[in-house]
Amino acid sequence: MLERLLLKHLTKKGKIAYFVGLVASIALVAFIILGVADYSLDSGKDVFFVSIVAVNLIWAGVCYFVWRKKEEENQE
């Protein structure tokens, strides 16, 4: 649902950056939670899913502010 709302406002470069960054950030969070912090999916599932949602929202905001389409100034 977030992607449908976000993608119509991003440029082509922004769409690519959004998906590549999202995959990379989810992989990084998964590595940190499951590898470094030594949680398992059974014991740390709440932390894992909350952090995935938070990373998705933060990265969507960054992509929106950096790669949004410029609206035409002369809309008459």
Protein backbone atom coordinates (compact mmCIF):
# COMPACT_ATOMS: atom_id res chain seq x y z
CA MET A 1 0.00 0.00 0.00
CA LEU A 2 2.84 2.39 0.80
CA GLU A 3 4.52 1.59 -2.49
CA ARG A 4 1.44 2.40 -4.55
CA LEU A 5 1.11 5.80 -2.91
CA LEU A 6 4.83 6.53 -3.06
CA LEU A 7 5.71 5.32 -6.55
CA LYS A 8 3.40 7.72 -8.36
CA HIS A 9 5.33 10.63 -6.82
CA LEU A 10 8.88 9.35 -7.53
CA THR A 11 11.04 9.74 -10.61
CA LYS A 12 12.35 6.65 -12.40
CA LYS A 13 15.69 6.98 -10.63
CA GLY A 14 13.82 7.32 -7.33
CA LYS A 15 11.84 4.14 -7.92
CA ILE A 16 15.02 2.18 -8.56
CA ALA A 17 16.73 3.73 -5.54
CA TYR A 18 13.72 2.95 -3.36
CA PHE A 19 13.67 -0.76 -4.13
CA VAL A 20 17.44 -1.24 -4.06
CA GLY A 21 17.76 0.69 -0.81
CA LEU A 22 14.86 -1.15 0.75
CA VAL A 23 16.35 -4.55 -0.01
CA ALA A 24 19.75 -3.46 1.27
CA SER A 25 18.38 -1.91 4.45
CA ILE A 26 16.18 -4.92 5.25
CA ALA A 27 19.19 -7.20 4.75
CA LEU A 28 21.27 -4.98 7.05
CA VAL A 29 18.59 -4.95 9.76
CA ALA A 30 18.16 -8.71 9.49
CA PHE A 31 21.92 -9.21 9.81
CA ILE A 32 22.13 -6.94 12.84
CA ILE A 33 19.16 -8.44 14.66
CA LEU A 34 19.69 -12.09 13.77
CA GLY A 35 23.47 -12.14 13.57
CA VAL A 36 24.99 -9.52 15.80
CA ALA A 37 22.31 -9.28 18.51
CA ASP A 38 21.92 -13.08 18.38
CA TYR A 39 18.13 -13.14 18.36
CA SER A 40 16.22 -15.95 16.68
CA LEU A 41 13.00 -15.49 14.76
CA ASP A 42 11.15 -17.09 17.66
CA SER A 43 12.55 -14.91 20.42
CA GLY A 44 13.04 -11.68 18.49
CA LYS A 45 10.16 -11.66 16.04
CA ASP A 46 8.54 -8.54 17.52
CA VAL A 47 11.78 -6.57 17.34
CA PHE A 48 12.44 -7.86 13.82
CA PHE A 49 9.05 -6.90 12.37
CA VAL A 50 8.87 -3.53 14.10
CA SER A 51 12.33 -2.64 12.82
CA ILE A 52 11.43 -3.74 9.28
CA VAL A 53 8.37 -1.46 9.31
CA ALA A 54 10.42 1.42 10.73
CA VAL A 55 13.15 0.99 8.11
CA ASN A 56 10.56 0.91 5.34
CA LEU A 57 8.92 4.14 6.51
CA ILE A 58 12.22 5.95 7.00
CA TRP A 59 13.58 4.91 3.61
CA ALA A 60 10.31 5.85 1.89
CA GLY A 61 10.53 9.31 3.43
CA VAL A 62 14.13 9.76 2.32
CA CYS A 63 13.32 8.67 -1.22
CA TYR A 64 10.28 10.95 -1.36
CA PHE A 65 12.20 14.04 -0.34
CA VAL A 66 15.21 13.32 -2.57
CA TRP A 67 13.65 11.92 -5.74
CA ARG A 68 10.10 13.29 -5.95
CA LYS A 69 8.77 14.55 -9.26
CA LYS A 70 8.83 18.29 -9.69
CA GLU A 71 5.35 19.71 -10.09
CA GLU A 72 4.85 22.23 -12.80
CA GLU A 73 4.72 25.73 -11.44
CA ASN A 74 2.41 27.06 -14.14
CA GLN A 75 -0.80 25.17 -13.47
CA GLU A 76 -3.49 27.46 -14.80
